[in-house]
Amino acid sequence: MTTTTVLTDPRRSPSPPSKASASARRLTALARAELILLLRNRSAIFVALVLPVVMIFSIRASLQQIDLAGTGLSIAGAALTGGIGIVLVQVVYMTLVTGYVTRREELVLKRLRTGEVTDREILAANALPAVALALLQVVLLVAAGAVAFDLSAPKRPELFLAGLLVGLVMMSGLAAATSAVTRTVQTSQLTTLPLFFVSLFASGIFVPLEIFPDGLASVFELLPLTGVMTLVRHGWLGGVEGGDLLTAGVAALAWTAFAVFAVQRWFRWDPRG
């Protein structure tokens, strides 16, 4: 009987990395570079870290002038959940609009597209640092609610996390779409204002929708961030009916789908100057 011995050449090169691992490495490298640039930008850090805290105190002050008896919400609960909405708008949306416009006008996006990096990887890498900062602030808000304001942990964590995840994707997509109509970094302060003010005063961030008349509240339920705020607020504090959750979920997913479509259709890679 003959035995065949198979010898392995120790100098044999390893198998090439899979597409998924190669994509993950590119994404990680780009996201790390974006994080370094973000941390060096003092104005962006101020918007991302300081302004949300200021706005939360403003929300708390405004809620003290409102009768929340019919809403089932406490001032602390409404202020802290509203703070999550502030984080989504300011830390993710406004920061990313400025970031996308800056990279586009500096030809960074155009140069990246000449290599192996895909368009999705470029967009995701730009968004990841802002998303990470937002997640950190949400964790701090939930911890502050438990430690300083006697709020319980999210009563329905799956609902809370679903709303937060959809909100992060939606705000990232809307930021990329808004950058398409933003010519310069300076004008990004203007192009982000419509969504900022609409979300602030009509999506349940500053004032719960239960305060408004039914007809007006029904209109506000169709705004981009309203569905997300409903999912997050009631995922944390509880006390919502199934029909309201369905409406909120459908509205949030519809706006997220529109944001993704808008990016694919209108995002600009070349400078507008």
Protein backbone atom coordinates (compact mmCIF):
# COMPACT_ATOMS: atom_id res chain seq x y z
CA MET A 1 0.00 0.00 0.00
CA THR A 2 1.41 3.34 -1.04
CA THR A 3 1.05 6.39 1.18
CA THR A 4 1.12 9.79 -0.44
CA THR A 5 2.50 12.62 1.63
CA VAL A 6 1.37 16.12 0.78
CA LEU A 7 3.95 18.76 1.65
CA THR A 8 2.91 22.32 2.33
CA ASP A 9 5.24 25.02 1.13
CA PRO A 10 5.85 27.33 4.13
CA ARG A 11 6.50 30.16 1.68
CA ARG A 12 3.08 29.83 0.14
CA SER A 13 1.22 33.17 0.27
CA PRO A 14 -1.95 33.31 2.38
CA SER A 15 -5.32 33.34 0.68
CA PRO A 16 -6.55 36.78 -0.33
CA PRO A 17 -8.92 38.47 2.11
CA SER A 18 -12.62 38.21 1.45
CA LYS A 19 -14.55 41.14 0.05
CA ALA A 20 -16.29 41.66 3.39
CA SER A 21 -13.07 41.84 5.39
CA ALA A 22 -11.43 44.13 2.82
CA SER A 23 -14.45 46.41 2.92
CA ALA A 24 -14.40 46.43 6.73
CA ARG A 25 -10.73 47.42 6.76
CA ARG A 26 -11.29 50.26 4.30
CA LEU A 27 -14.31 51.46 6.23
CA THR A 28 -12.42 51.38 9.53
CA ALA A 29 -9.45 53.28 8.13
CA LEU A 30 -11.63 55.99 6.58
CA ALA A 31 -13.80 56.32 9.70
CA ARG A 32 -10.69 56.67 11.89
CA ALA A 33 -9.38 59.46 9.66
CA GLU A 34 -12.77 61.20 9.77
CA LEU A 35 -12.87 60.96 13.56
CA ILE A 36 -9.45 62.61 13.82
CA LEU A 37 -10.59 65.45 11.54
CA LEU A 38 -13.81 65.86 13.51
CA LEU A 39 -11.97 66.08 16.83
CA ARG A 40 -9.71 68.78 15.39
CA ASN A 41 -12.69 70.88 14.32
CA ARG A 42 -13.53 72.96 17.40
CA SER A 43 -16.75 74.43 16.02
CA ALA A 44 -18.04 70.96 15.07
CA ILE A 45 -17.19 69.62 18.52
CA PHE A 46 -18.96 72.57 20.12
CA VAL A 47 -22.10 71.85 18.08
CA ALA A 48 -21.89 68.15 18.79
CA LEU A 49 -21.13 68.23 22.51
CA VAL A 50 -22.06 71.58 24.05
CA LEU A 51 -25.14 72.78 22.19
CA PRO A 52 -27.23 69.66 22.90
CA VAL A 53 -26.66 70.13 26.64
CA VAL A 54 -27.72 73.77 26.40
CA MET A 55 -30.80 72.81 24.40
CA ILE A 56 -31.83 70.16 26.93
CA PHE A 57 -31.84 72.77 29.70
CA SER A 58 -33.89 75.03 27.40
CA ILE A 59 -36.38 72.20 26.85
CA ARG A 60 -36.66 71.66 30.61
CA ALA A 61 -37.27 75.38 31.19
CA SER A 62 -39.98 75.53 28.52
CA LEU A 63 -41.73 72.42 29.84
CA GLN A 64 -42.04 74.03 33.27
CA GLN A 65 -44.41 76.53 31.66
CA ILE A 66 -46.60 73.79 30.13
CA ASP A 67 -49.26 71.68 31.79
CA LEU A 68 -48.18 68.07 31.17
CA ALA A 69 -50.97 66.56 33.27
CA GLY A 70 -52.81 65.14 30.25
CA THR A 71 -49.74 63.74 28.54
CA GLY A 72 -48.61 61.21 31.13
CA LEU A 73 -45.09 62.66 30.95
CA SER A 74 -42.91 64.14 33.63
CA ILE A 75 -40.74 67.18 32.98
CA ALA A 76 -37.58 65.09 33.33
CA GLY A 77 -38.87 62.35 31.03
CA ALA A 78 -40.00 64.77 28.35
CA ALA A 79 -36.76 66.80 28.56
CA LEU A 80 -34.40 63.83 28.37
CA THR A 81 -36.23 62.09 25.55
CA GLY A 82 -36.38 65.43 23.78
CA GLY A 83 -32.64 65.60 24.33
CA ILE A 84 -32.24 62.48 22.20
CA GLY A 85 -34.02 64.29 19.38
CA ILE A 86 -31.63 67.22 19.83
CA VAL A 87 -28.68 64.84 19.58
CA LEU A 88 -30.03 63.33 16.35
CA VAL A 89 -30.55 66.73 14.76
CA GLN A 90 -27.43 68.55 15.93
CA VAL A 91 -24.82 65.84 16.41
CA VAL A 92 -25.74 63.73 13.39
CA TYR A 93 -27.64 65.85 10.87
CA MET A 94 -26.03 69.27 11.21
CA THR A 95 -22.51 67.94 11.80
CA LEU A 96 -22.70 65.62 8.79
CA VAL A 97 -24.02 68.25 6.39
CA THR A 98 -20.96 70.36 7.18
CA GLY A 99 -18.69 67.32 6.94
CA TYR A 100 -19.98 66.16 3.55
CA VAL A 101 -19.79 69.66 2.07
CA THR A 102 -16.27 70.19 3.41
CA ARG A 103 -14.96 66.90 1.98
CA ARG A 104 -16.68 67.56 -1.35
CA GLU A 105 -15.32 71.08 -1.78
CA GLU A 106 -11.82 69.96 -0.78
CA LEU A 107 -11.99 67.25 -3.50
CA VAL A 108 -11.58 64.52 -0.89
CA LEU A 109 -14.70 62.66 -2.04
CA LYS A 110 -13.64 62.85 -5.68
CA ARG A 111 -10.18 61.47 -4.93
CA LEU A 112 -11.56 58.64 -2.81
CA ARG A 113 -13.76 57.49 -5.69
CA THR A 114 -10.71 56.89 -7.87
CA GLY A 115 -9.56 54.05 -5.61
CA GLU A 116 -11.05 50.76 -4.43
CA VAL A 117 -13.41 52.38 -1.92
CA THR A 118 -17.07 52.14 -2.88
CA ASP A 119 -19.52 55.03 -2.71
CA ARG A 120 -21.37 53.41 0.19
CA GLU A 121 -18.14 52.98 2.14
CA ILE A 122 -17.24 56.65 1.63
CA LEU A 123 -20.63 57.86 2.82
CA ALA A 124 -20.72 55.46 5.77
CA ALA A 125 -17.17 56.31 6.87
CA ASN A 126 -18.02 60.00 6.93
CA ALA A 127 -21.10 59.30 9.05
CA LEU A 128 -19.63 56.86 11.59
CA PRO A 129 -17.80 59.36 13.87
CA ALA A 130 -20.91 61.54 14.27
CA VAL A 131 -23.05 58.45 14.83
CA ALA A 132 -20.61 57.21 17.49
CA LEU A 133 -20.73 60.58 19.29
CA ALA A 134 -24.52 60.53 19.17
CA LEU A 135 -24.68 57.02 20.62
CA LEU A 136 -22.33 58.04 23.43
CA GLN A 137 -24.53 61.01 24.30
CA VAL A 138 -27.68 58.87 24.25
CA VAL A 139 -26.05 56.45 26.70
CA LEU A 140 -25.14 59.40 28.95
CA LEU A 141 -28.72 60.72 28.77
CA VAL A 142 -30.19 57.36 29.77
CA ALA A 143 -27.66 57.08 32.61
CA ALA A 144 -28.44 60.63 33.77
CA GLY A 145 -32.13 59.80 33.76
CA ALA A 146 -31.56 56.81 36.01
CA VAL A 147 -29.08 58.47 38.38
CA ALA A 148 -30.28 62.07 38.66
CA PHE A 149 -33.98 61.98 37.76
CA ASP A 150 -35.15 58.57 38.99
CA LEU A 151 -36.22 57.47 35.52
CA SER A 152 -36.26 53.75 34.93
CA ALA A 153 -34.30 52.01 32.19
CA PRO A 154 -36.15 51.84 28.83
CA LYS A 155 -39.33 49.89 29.47
CA ARG A 156 -39.35 48.53 25.94
CA PRO A 157 -35.69 48.47 24.92
CA GLU A 158 -36.39 46.89 21.53
CA LEU A 159 -38.68 49.80 20.66
CA PHE A 160 -36.21 52.35 22.00
CA LEU A 161 -33.30 50.85 20.03
CA ALA A 162 -35.36 50.50 16.86
CA GLY A 163 -36.35 54.17 16.99
CA LEU A 164 -32.78 55.24 17.70
CA LEU A 165 -31.35 53.12 14.87
CA VAL A 166 -33.89 54.39 12.34
CA GLY A 167 -33.24 57.94 13.51
CA LEU A 168 -29.49 57.60 13.02
CA VAL A 169 -29.88 56.20 9.50
CA MET A 170 -32.52 58.77 8.58
CA MET A 171 -30.56 61.77 9.84
CA SER A 172 -27.38 60.54 8.11
CA GLY A 173 -29.25 60.13 4.85
CA LEU A 174 -30.98 63.49 5.09
CA ALA A 175 -27.62 65.10 5.87
CA ALA A 176 -26.09 63.65 2.71
CA ALA A 177 -29.13 64.75 0.70
CA THR A 178 -29.03 68.28 2.17
CA SER A 179 -25.35 68.58 1.27
CA ALA A 180 -26.37 68.31 -2.39
CA VAL A 181 -28.14 71.69 -2.20
CA THR A 182 -25.46 73.27 0.00
CA ARG A 183 -22.80 75.16 -1.95
CA THR A 184 -20.36 76.01 0.83
CA VAL A 185 -19.62 75.20 4.44
CA GLN A 186 -20.90 78.65 5.40
CA THR A 187 -24.27 78.13 3.72
CA SER A 188 -24.71 74.81 5.53
CA GLN A 189 -25.74 76.90 8.54
CA LEU A 190 -28.72 78.07 6.46
CA THR A 191 -29.70 74.90 4.60
CA THR A 192 -29.95 72.91 7.83
CA LEU A 193 -32.24 75.41 9.56
CA PRO A 194 -35.60 74.29 8.04
CA LEU A 195 -35.32 70.71 9.29
CA PHE A 196 -33.80 71.91 12.56
CA PHE A 197 -36.67 74.26 13.45
CA VAL A 198 -39.43 71.98 12.13
CA SER A 199 -38.08 69.06 14.14
CA LEU A 200 -37.49 71.18 17.22
CA PHE A 201 -40.97 72.61 17.56
CA ALA A 202 -43.26 70.20 15.70
CA SER A 203 -41.81 66.70 16.16
CA GLY A 204 -42.28 66.36 19.91
CA ILE A 205 -38.80 67.47 20.95
CA PHE A 206 -39.60 70.72 22.72
CA VAL A 207 -43.33 70.19 23.18
CA PRO A 208 -45.10 66.79 23.28
CA LEU A 209 -47.61 66.35 20.46
CA GLU A 210 -50.36 65.70 23.01
CA ILE A 211 -50.34 69.44 23.78
CA PHE A 212 -51.44 70.39 20.25
CA PRO A 213 -54.99 70.16 18.85
CA ASP A 214 -55.75 66.78 17.27
CA GLY A 215 -55.80 68.09 13.69
CA LEU A 216 -52.46 69.85 14.02
CA ALA A 217 -50.91 66.91 15.84
CA SER A 218 -51.99 64.61 12.98
CA VAL A 219 -50.10 66.81 10.52
CA PHE A 220 -47.03 66.92 12.75
CA GLU A 221 -47.03 63.10 12.91
CA LEU A 222 -46.00 63.07 9.23
CA LEU A 223 -42.80 65.09 9.78
CA PRO A 224 -39.43 63.32 9.44
CA LEU A 225 -38.40 63.04 13.09
CA THR A 226 -41.84 62.67 14.70
CA GLY A 227 -42.09 58.92 14.21
CA VAL A 228 -38.60 58.42 15.60
CA MET A 229 -39.39 60.56 18.65
CA THR A 230 -42.58 58.58 19.29
CA LEU A 231 -40.71 55.28 19.18
CA VAL A 232 -37.85 56.55 21.37
CA ARG A 233 -40.06 58.31 23.92
CA HIS A 234 -42.47 55.47 24.44
CA GLY A 235 -39.75 52.86 24.19
CA TRP A 236 -38.11 54.57 27.16
CA LEU A 237 -41.13 55.69 29.16
CA GLY A 238 -43.85 53.30 27.95
CA GLY A 239 -47.55 54.06 27.69
CA VAL A 240 -48.45 54.12 24.01
CA GLU A 241 -51.13 52.36 21.98
CA GLY A 242 -50.39 49.93 19.16
CA GLY A 243 -51.99 52.13 16.51
CA ASP A 244 -49.75 55.07 17.42
CA LEU A 245 -46.68 52.85 17.24
CA LEU A 246 -47.69 51.57 13.81
CA THR A 247 -48.16 55.10 12.50
CA ALA A 248 -44.85 56.20 13.98
CA GLY A 249 -42.99 53.19 12.57
CA VAL A 250 -44.42 53.58 9.07
CA ALA A 251 -43.66 57.32 9.00
CA ALA A 252 -40.09 56.80 10.25
CA LEU A 253 -39.37 54.03 7.73
CA ALA A 254 -40.92 56.01 4.89
CA TRP A 255 -38.71 59.03 5.58
CA THR A 256 -35.66 56.78 5.92
CA ALA A 257 -36.41 55.18 2.56
CA PHE A 258 -36.83 58.63 1.02
CA ALA A 259 -33.51 59.77 2.50
CA VAL A 260 -31.70 56.76 1.01
CA PHE A 261 -33.36 57.37 -2.38
CA ALA A 262 -32.46 61.07 -2.27
CA VAL A 263 -28.81 60.27 -1.60
CA GLN A 264 -28.67 57.80 -4.48
CA ARG A 265 -30.41 60.21 -6.83
CA TRP A 266 -29.00 63.65 -5.95
CA PHE A 267 -25.82 63.38 -3.88
CA ARG A 268 -23.02 65.42 -5.45
CA TRP A 269 -19.43 64.19 -5.48
CA ASP A 270 -17.87 67.11 -7.36
CA PRO A 271 -17.41 70.65 -5.98
CA ARG A 272 -20.24 73.09 -6.60
CA GLY A 273 -18.04 76.17 -6.60
